[in-house]
Amino acid sequence: MSAALSTINIPPKSAHQYSVIWLHGLGADGHDFEDIVPTLHINAAPTVHFIFPNAPIQPVTINGGMEMRAWYDILDMSLEHKVDIAGIYQSAELIGQLIQQELDKGILSEHILLAGFSQGGVIALHTGLRYPQRLAGIVALSTYLPTVEQLKTERATVNNATPLFMGHGILDSVVSIESAKAAFDELHALGYNVTWHDYVMEHSVCVEEIQHISAFINTIFE
């Protein structure tokens, strides 16, 4: 994997106060969620730096070893049965570097929010809940959490109360809603401040979900 991630950036229009690091899904890139920014209607938008990293390009087993942007290898369609744990940790380290870049600009850790879709959601949860400084929140969309056992021993207590948003489509045929709900149940059982939202959609986002994400972020970035 590369030493640092390339990123698509939407800089703040006024004094930089908040940062959102938004991770795309398998085979997409940093442009995938770039267009969502105006539709979020974030009250603090002029002070927010949006960062959309590009995942490293690597072979993906379930796609016949084809190289594409991926946060980790997908070894099996069952998702949870065979997991590229090393790849998840490597990507979490790369996202940690992006967080550090924002901290180095003087942004408070509790003003940095992680968001991710599908694979990106896995990395957002895995990184954020183990991160040693308090983060603003985590938005985990159409995703699951294959490293929940590791989280039980590696969790950062400083992020125990960090607000988590989980959204999923009930018609999702890529990441089953059962896998997502199992992750939610585990996080809830571990005492996390996690809310669940489901929608009549496939492996995607919808207008209603964007409205709920907007409300979630607006309660955090004041």
C-alpha atoms as a PDB file:
ATOM      1  CA  MET A   1       0.000   0.000   0.000  1.00  0.00           C
ATOM      2  CA  SER A   2       1.067   3.560  -0.604  1.00  0.00           C
ATOM      3  CA  ALA A   3       2.560   5.624   2.191  1.00  0.00           C
ATOM      4  CA  ALA A   4      -0.164   8.264   1.905  1.00  0.00           C
ATOM      5  CA  LEU A   5      -3.581   8.551   0.317  1.00  0.00           C
ATOM      6  CA  SER A   6      -4.475  10.910  -2.490  1.00  0.00           C
ATOM      7  CA  THR A   7      -7.606  12.924  -1.718  1.00  0.00           C
ATOM      8  CA  ILE A   8     -10.357  14.996  -3.291  1.00  0.00           C
ATOM      9  CA  ASN A   9     -10.847  18.134  -1.195  1.00  0.00           C
ATOM     10  CA  ILE A  10     -13.581  20.707  -0.767  1.00  0.00           C
ATOM     11  CA  PRO A  11     -11.920  23.417   1.316  1.00  0.00           C
ATOM     12  CA  PRO A  12     -13.832  25.610   3.758  1.00  0.00           C
ATOM     13  CA  LYS A  13     -15.050  28.944   2.419  1.00  0.00           C
ATOM     14  CA  SER A  14     -14.288  30.729   5.687  1.00  0.00           C
ATOM     15  CA  ALA A  15     -12.230  29.988   8.816  1.00  0.00           C
ATOM     16  CA  HIS A  16     -11.606  26.228   9.058  1.00  0.00           C
ATOM     17  CA  GLN A  17     -13.276  24.775  12.176  1.00  0.00           C
ATOM     18  CA  TYR A  18     -14.465  21.283  11.247  1.00  0.00           C
ATOM     19  CA  SER A  19     -13.325  18.396   9.048  1.00  0.00           C
ATOM     20  CA  VAL A  20     -15.230  15.503   7.475  1.00  0.00           C
ATOM     21  CA  ILE A  21     -13.286  12.526   6.101  1.00  0.00           C
ATOM     22  CA  TRP A  22     -15.642  10.509   3.856  1.00  0.00           C
ATOM     23  CA  LEU A  23     -14.615   7.068   2.569  1.00  0.00           C
ATOM     24  CA  HIS A  24     -16.009   5.531  -0.624  1.00  0.00           C
ATOM     25  CA  GLY A  25     -16.937   1.900  -1.268  1.00  0.00           C
ATOM     26  CA  LEU A  26     -15.207  -0.886  -3.209  1.00  0.00           C
ATOM     27  CA  GLY A  27     -14.232   0.032  -6.762  1.00  0.00           C
ATOM     28  CA  ALA A  28     -15.294   3.683  -6.442  1.00  0.00           C
ATOM     29  CA  ASP A  29     -13.040   6.660  -5.703  1.00  0.00           C
ATOM     30  CA  GLY A  30     -12.955   9.928  -3.815  1.00  0.00           C
ATOM     31  CA  HIS A  31     -15.293  11.594  -6.316  1.00  0.00           C
ATOM     32  CA  ASP A  32     -18.108   9.179  -5.414  1.00  0.00           C
ATOM     33  CA  PHE A  33     -19.580  11.269  -2.586  1.00  0.00           C
ATOM     34  CA  GLU A  34     -18.238  14.671  -3.626  1.00  0.00           C
ATOM     35  CA  ASP A  35     -21.642  15.738  -4.972  1.00  0.00           C
ATOM     36  CA  ILE A  36     -23.378  14.959  -1.672  1.00  0.00           C
ATOM     37  CA  VAL A  37     -21.914  18.028   0.050  1.00  0.00           C
ATOM     38  CA  PRO A  38     -24.418  20.673  -1.211  1.00  0.00           C
ATOM     39  CA  THR A  39     -27.365  18.334  -0.492  1.00  0.00           C
ATOM     40  CA  LEU A  40     -26.368  17.886   3.158  1.00  0.00           C
ATOM     41  CA  HIS A  41     -27.287  21.486   4.054  1.00  0.00           C
ATOM     42  CA  ILE A  42     -24.824  21.543   6.934  1.00  0.00           C
ATOM     43  CA  ASN A  43     -25.273  24.735   8.935  1.00  0.00           C
ATOM     44  CA  ALA A  44     -21.524  25.010   9.540  1.00  0.00           C
ATOM     45  CA  ALA A  45     -20.671  24.191   5.891  1.00  0.00           C
ATOM     46  CA  PRO A  46     -18.550  27.343   5.276  1.00  0.00           C
ATOM     47  CA  THR A  47     -16.177  26.239   8.071  1.00  0.00           C
ATOM     48  CA  VAL A  48     -15.973  22.548   7.065  1.00  0.00           C
ATOM     49  CA  HIS A  49     -13.119  20.939   5.153  1.00  0.00           C
ATOM     50  CA  PHE A  50     -14.432  17.883   3.263  1.00  0.00           C
ATOM     51  CA  ILE A  51     -11.830  15.222   2.480  1.00  0.00           C
ATOM     52  CA  PHE A  52     -12.626  12.311   0.159  1.00  0.00           C
ATOM     53  CA  PRO A  53      -9.661   9.915   0.109  1.00  0.00           C
ATOM     54  CA  ASN A  54      -8.970   7.494  -2.720  1.00  0.00           C
ATOM     55  CA  ALA A  55      -8.460   3.941  -1.480  1.00  0.00           C
ATOM     56  CA  PRO A  56      -5.264   2.182  -2.612  1.00  0.00           C
ATOM     57  CA  ILE A  57      -5.479   0.164  -5.833  1.00  0.00           C
ATOM     58  CA  GLN A  58      -5.118  -3.560  -5.121  1.00  0.00           C
ATOM     59  CA  PRO A  59      -6.292  -6.954  -6.413  1.00  0.00           C
ATOM     60  CA  VAL A  60      -9.717  -8.037  -5.115  1.00  0.00           C
ATOM     61  CA  THR A  61     -10.159 -11.798  -4.742  1.00  0.00           C
ATOM     62  CA  ILE A  62     -13.921 -12.023  -5.331  1.00  0.00           C
ATOM     63  CA  ASN A  63     -13.490 -10.034  -8.557  1.00  0.00           C
ATOM     64  CA  GLY A  64     -11.012 -12.545  -9.960  1.00  0.00           C
ATOM     65  CA  GLY A  65      -8.008 -10.636  -8.674  1.00  0.00           C
ATOM     66  CA  MET A  66      -8.888  -7.568 -10.731  1.00  0.00           C
ATOM     67  CA  GLU A  67      -7.141  -4.460  -9.444  1.00  0.00           C
ATOM     68  CA  MET A  68      -9.364  -1.653  -8.206  1.00  0.00           C
ATOM     69  CA  ARG A  69      -9.612   0.849  -5.414  1.00  0.00           C
ATOM     70  CA  ALA A  70     -10.275  -1.106  -2.222  1.00  0.00           C
ATOM     71  CA  TRP A  71      -9.767  -0.459   1.472  1.00  0.00           C
ATOM     72  CA  TYR A  72      -9.078  -4.186   1.940  1.00  0.00           C
ATOM     73  CA  ASP A  73      -9.434  -7.403  -0.023  1.00  0.00           C
ATOM     74  CA  ILE A  74     -12.814  -9.153  -0.168  1.00  0.00           C
ATOM     75  CA  LEU A  75     -11.950 -12.831   0.104  1.00  0.00           C
ATOM     76  CA  ASP A  76     -15.431 -14.368   0.171  1.00  0.00           C
ATOM     77  CA  MET A  77     -18.993 -13.295  -0.610  1.00  0.00           C
ATOM     78  CA  SER A  78     -19.969 -14.211   2.949  1.00  0.00           C
ATOM     79  CA  LEU A  79     -18.034 -11.057   4.020  1.00  0.00           C
ATOM     80  CA  GLU A  80     -17.635 -12.046   7.682  1.00  0.00           C
ATOM     81  CA  HIS A  81     -16.315 -15.586   7.232  1.00  0.00           C
ATOM     82  CA  LYS A  82     -12.989 -14.776   5.578  1.00  0.00           C
ATOM     83  CA  VAL A  83     -11.758 -11.309   6.350  1.00  0.00           C
ATOM     84  CA  ASP A  84      -8.643  -9.402   5.264  1.00  0.00           C
ATOM     85  CA  ILE A  85      -7.943  -8.185   8.791  1.00  0.00           C
ATOM     86  CA  ALA A  86      -4.425  -6.974   7.908  1.00  0.00           C
ATOM     87  CA  GLY A  87      -5.837  -4.851   5.081  1.00  0.00           C
ATOM     88  CA  ILE A  88      -8.387  -3.255   7.416  1.00  0.00           C
ATOM     89  CA  TYR A  89      -5.643  -2.280   9.862  1.00  0.00           C
ATOM     90  CA  GLN A  90      -3.448  -0.894   7.065  1.00  0.00           C
ATOM     91  CA  SER A  91      -6.255   1.325   5.778  1.00  0.00           C
ATOM     92  CA  ALA A  92      -7.113   2.451   9.304  1.00  0.00           C
ATOM     93  CA  GLU A  93      -3.512   3.592   9.674  1.00  0.00           C
ATOM     94  CA  LEU A  94      -3.781   5.597   6.433  1.00  0.00           C
ATOM     95  CA  ILE A  95      -6.971   7.291   7.657  1.00  0.00           C
ATOM     96  CA  GLY A  96      -5.206   8.004  10.927  1.00  0.00           C
ATOM     97  CA  GLN A  97      -2.635   9.944   8.881  1.00  0.00           C
ATOM     98  CA  LEU A  98      -5.416  12.069   7.366  1.00  0.00           C
ATOM     99  CA  ILE A  99      -6.821  12.780  10.837  1.00  0.00           C
ATOM    100  CA  GLN A 100      -3.341  13.798  11.984  1.00  0.00           C
ATOM    101  CA  GLN A 101      -3.037  16.221   9.053  1.00  0.00           C
ATOM    102  CA  GLU A 102      -6.178  17.989  10.268  1.00  0.00           C
ATOM    103  CA  LEU A 103      -4.918  18.023  13.871  1.00  0.00           C
ATOM    104  CA  ASP A 104      -1.667  19.547  12.612  1.00  0.00           C
ATOM    105  CA  LYS A 105      -3.726  22.423  11.151  1.00  0.00           C
ATOM    106  CA  GLY A 106      -5.057  23.121  14.631  1.00  0.00           C
ATOM    107  CA  ILE A 107      -8.449  21.442  14.201  1.00  0.00           C
ATOM    108  CA  LEU A 108      -9.703  19.852  17.416  1.00  0.00           C
ATOM    109  CA  SER A 109     -10.121  16.074  17.250  1.00  0.00           C
ATOM    110  CA  GLU A 110     -13.711  16.457  18.474  1.00  0.00           C
ATOM    111  CA  HIS A 111     -14.356  18.582  15.371  1.00  0.00           C
ATOM    112  CA  ILE A 112     -13.357  15.741  13.001  1.00  0.00           C
ATOM    113  CA  LEU A 113     -16.092  13.428  11.729  1.00  0.00           C
ATOM    114  CA  LEU A 114     -15.548  10.154   9.873  1.00  0.00           C
ATOM    115  CA  ALA A 115     -18.048   8.858   7.317  1.00  0.00           C
ATOM    116  CA  GLY A 116     -17.948   5.840   5.066  1.00  0.00           C
ATOM    117  CA  PHE A 117     -20.016   3.781   2.660  1.00  0.00           C
ATOM    118  CA  SER A 118     -19.796  -0.040   2.516  1.00  0.00           C
ATOM    119  CA  GLN A 119     -16.061  -0.908   2.802  1.00  0.00           C
ATOM    120  CA  GLY A 120     -15.484   2.718   3.709  1.00  0.00           C
ATOM    121  CA  GLY A 121     -17.954   2.365   6.572  1.00  0.00           C
ATOM    122  CA  VAL A 122     -15.991  -0.585   7.945  1.00  0.00           C
ATOM    123  CA  ILE A 123     -12.821   1.528   7.972  1.00  0.00           C
ATOM    124  CA  ALA A 124     -14.620   4.543   9.478  1.00  0.00           C
ATOM    125  CA  LEU A 125     -15.943   2.441  12.369  1.00  0.00           C
ATOM    126  CA  HIS A 126     -12.732   0.455  12.857  1.00  0.00           C
ATOM    127  CA  THR A 127     -10.576   3.590  12.816  1.00  0.00           C
ATOM    128  CA  GLY A 128     -12.851   5.891  14.768  1.00  0.00           C
ATOM    129  CA  LEU A 129     -13.745   3.601  17.665  1.00  0.00           C
ATOM    130  CA  ARG A 130     -10.081   2.734  18.233  1.00  0.00           C
ATOM    131  CA  TYR A 131      -8.779   6.278  17.746  1.00  0.00           C
ATOM    132  CA  PRO A 132      -7.003   7.587  20.877  1.00  0.00           C
ATOM    133  CA  GLN A 133      -8.546  11.061  20.733  1.00  0.00           C
ATOM    134  CA  ARG A 134     -12.231  11.990  20.924  1.00  0.00           C
ATOM    135  CA  LEU A 135     -13.821  12.361  17.491  1.00  0.00           C
ATOM    136  CA  ALA A 136     -16.969  14.291  16.563  1.00  0.00           C
ATOM    137  CA  GLY A 137     -18.945  11.329  15.244  1.00  0.00           C
ATOM    138  CA  ILE A 138     -19.052   8.458  12.747  1.00  0.00           C
ATOM    139  CA  VAL A 139     -21.480   7.961   9.848  1.00  0.00           C
ATOM    140  CA  ALA A 140     -21.499   4.300   8.728  1.00  0.00           C
ATOM    141  CA  LEU A 141     -23.610   3.636   5.627  1.00  0.00           C
ATOM    142  CA  SER A 142     -24.586   0.283   4.086  1.00  0.00           C
ATOM    143  CA  THR A 143     -21.845  -1.421   6.064  1.00  0.00           C
ATOM    144  CA  TYR A 144     -20.953  -4.050   8.661  1.00  0.00           C
ATOM    145  CA  LEU A 145     -18.121  -4.588  11.178  1.00  0.00           C
ATOM    146  CA  PRO A 146     -15.933  -7.683  10.768  1.00  0.00           C
ATOM    147  CA  THR A 147     -13.511  -6.531  13.495  1.00  0.00           C
ATOM    148  CA  VAL A 148     -15.966  -6.268  16.372  1.00  0.00           C
ATOM    149  CA  GLU A 149     -14.016  -8.901  18.377  1.00  0.00           C
ATOM    150  CA  GLN A 150     -10.828  -6.834  18.053  1.00  0.00           C
ATOM    151  CA  LEU A 151     -12.778  -3.747  19.049  1.00  0.00           C
ATOM    152  CA  LYS A 152     -13.709  -5.340  22.378  1.00  0.00           C
ATOM    153  CA  THR A 153     -10.068  -5.191  23.483  1.00  0.00           C
ATOM    154  CA  GLU A 154      -8.773  -2.296  21.351  1.00  0.00           C
ATOM    155  CA  ARG A 155     -11.571   0.243  21.795  1.00  0.00           C
ATOM    156  CA  ALA A 156     -10.576   3.737  22.878  1.00  0.00           C
ATOM    157  CA  THR A 157     -12.605   4.695  25.937  1.00  0.00           C
ATOM    158  CA  VAL A 158     -12.413   8.355  24.875  1.00  0.00           C
ATOM    159  CA  ASN A 159     -14.748   7.471  21.962  1.00  0.00           C
ATOM    160  CA  ASN A 160     -17.232   5.428  24.014  1.00  0.00           C
ATOM    161  CA  ALA A 161     -19.821   8.231  23.823  1.00  0.00           C
ATOM    162  CA  THR A 162     -19.057   9.392  20.280  1.00  0.00           C
ATOM    163  CA  PRO A 163     -22.352   9.517  18.323  1.00  0.00           C
ATOM    164  CA  LEU A 164     -22.649   6.860  15.601  1.00  0.00           C
ATOM    165  CA  PHE A 165     -25.114   6.904  12.697  1.00  0.00           C
ATOM    166  CA  MET A 166     -25.801   3.610  10.911  1.00  0.00           C
ATOM    167  CA  GLY A 167     -27.987   3.612   7.787  1.00  0.00           C
ATOM    168  CA  HIS A 168     -28.859   0.660   5.531  1.00  0.00           C
ATOM    169  CA  GLY A 169     -31.142  -0.352   2.692  1.00  0.00           C
ATOM    170  CA  ILE A 170     -33.557  -3.189   3.423  1.00  0.00           C
ATOM    171  CA  LEU A 171     -33.154  -4.354  -0.198  1.00  0.00           C
ATOM    172  CA  ASP A 172     -29.328  -4.385  -0.072  1.00  0.00           C
ATOM    173  CA  SER A 173     -28.002  -7.463  -1.912  1.00  0.00           C
ATOM    174  CA  VAL A 174     -24.301  -6.532  -1.485  1.00  0.00           C
ATOM    175  CA  VAL A 175     -24.098  -6.136   2.296  1.00  0.00           C
ATOM    176  CA  SER A 176     -27.088  -7.875   3.853  1.00  0.00           C
ATOM    177  CA  ILE A 177     -29.174  -5.920   6.305  1.00  0.00           C
ATOM    178  CA  GLU A 178     -28.695  -8.854   8.697  1.00  0.00           C
ATOM    179  CA  SER A 179     -24.916  -8.243   8.700  1.00  0.00           C
ATOM    180  CA  ALA A 180     -25.458  -4.546   9.327  1.00  0.00           C
ATOM    181  CA  LYS A 181     -28.012  -5.113  12.064  1.00  0.00           C
ATOM    182  CA  ALA A 182     -25.677  -7.618  13.748  1.00  0.00           C
ATOM    183  CA  ALA A 183     -22.963  -4.934  13.820  1.00  0.00           C
ATOM    184  CA  PHE A 184     -25.433  -2.414  15.249  1.00  0.00           C
ATOM    185  CA  ASP A 185     -26.542  -4.900  17.922  1.00  0.00           C
ATOM    186  CA  GLU A 186     -22.922  -5.602  18.893  1.00  0.00           C
ATOM    187  CA  LEU A 187     -22.086  -1.894  19.117  1.00  0.00           C
ATOM    188  CA  HIS A 188     -25.238  -1.222  21.115  1.00  0.00           C
ATOM    189  CA  ALA A 189     -24.381  -4.083  23.477  1.00  0.00           C
ATOM    190  CA  LEU A 190     -20.915  -2.573  23.962  1.00  0.00           C
ATOM    191  CA  GLY A 191     -22.602   0.628  25.150  1.00  0.00           C
ATOM    192  CA  TYR A 192     -21.984   2.824  22.124  1.00  0.00           C
ATOM    193  CA  ASN A 193     -24.196   5.818  21.324  1.00  0.00           C
ATOM    194  CA  VAL A 194     -25.382   4.315  18.024  1.00  0.00           C
ATOM    195  CA  THR A 195     -28.611   4.978  16.125  1.00  0.00           C
ATOM    196  CA  TRP A 196     -30.073   2.713  13.439  1.00  0.00           C
ATOM    197  CA  HIS A 197     -31.881   3.876  10.291  1.00  0.00           C
ATOM    198  CA  ASP A 198     -33.185   1.683   7.463  1.00  0.00           C
ATOM    199  CA  TYR A 199     -34.607   2.653   4.099  1.00  0.00           C
ATOM    200  CA  VAL A 200     -36.400   1.075   1.149  1.00  0.00           C
ATOM    201  CA  MET A 201     -33.347   1.064  -1.106  1.00  0.00           C
ATOM    202  CA  GLU A 202     -30.588  -1.194  -2.380  1.00  0.00           C
ATOM    203  CA  HIS A 203     -26.803  -0.751  -1.813  1.00  0.00           C
ATOM    204  CA  SER A 204     -27.042   3.006  -2.166  1.00  0.00           C
ATOM    205  CA  VAL A 205     -28.071   6.229  -0.477  1.00  0.00           C
ATOM    206  CA  CYS A 206     -31.444   7.958  -0.767  1.00  0.00           C
ATOM    207  CA  VAL A 207     -32.880  11.418  -0.193  1.00  0.00           C
ATOM    208  CA  GLU A 208     -34.412  10.483   3.152  1.00  0.00           C
ATOM    209  CA  GLU A 209     -31.100   9.084   4.397  1.00  0.00           C
ATOM    210  CA  ILE A 210     -29.247  12.228   3.308  1.00  0.00           C
ATOM    211  CA  GLN A 211     -31.765  14.305   5.273  1.00  0.00           C
ATOM    212  CA  HIS A 212     -31.148  12.156   8.363  1.00  0.00           C
ATOM    213  CA  ILE A 213     -27.358  12.416   7.942  1.00  0.00           C
ATOM    214  CA  SER A 214     -27.748  16.190   7.638  1.00  0.00           C
ATOM    215  CA  ALA A 215     -29.716  16.361  10.897  1.00  0.00           C
ATOM    216  CA  PHE A 216     -27.130  14.122  12.586  1.00  0.00           C
ATOM    217  CA  ILE A 217     -24.185  16.283  11.518  1.00  0.00           C
ATOM    218  CA  ASN A 218     -26.010  19.500  12.389  1.00  0.00           C
ATOM    219  CA  THR A 219     -26.427  18.314  15.987  1.00  0.00           C
ATOM    220  CA  ILE A 220     -22.632  17.789  16.160  1.00  0.00           C
ATOM    221  CA  PHE A 221     -21.230  20.748  14.215  1.00  0.00           C
ATOM    222  CA  GLU A 222     -22.851  23.723  15.891  1.00  0.00           C
END
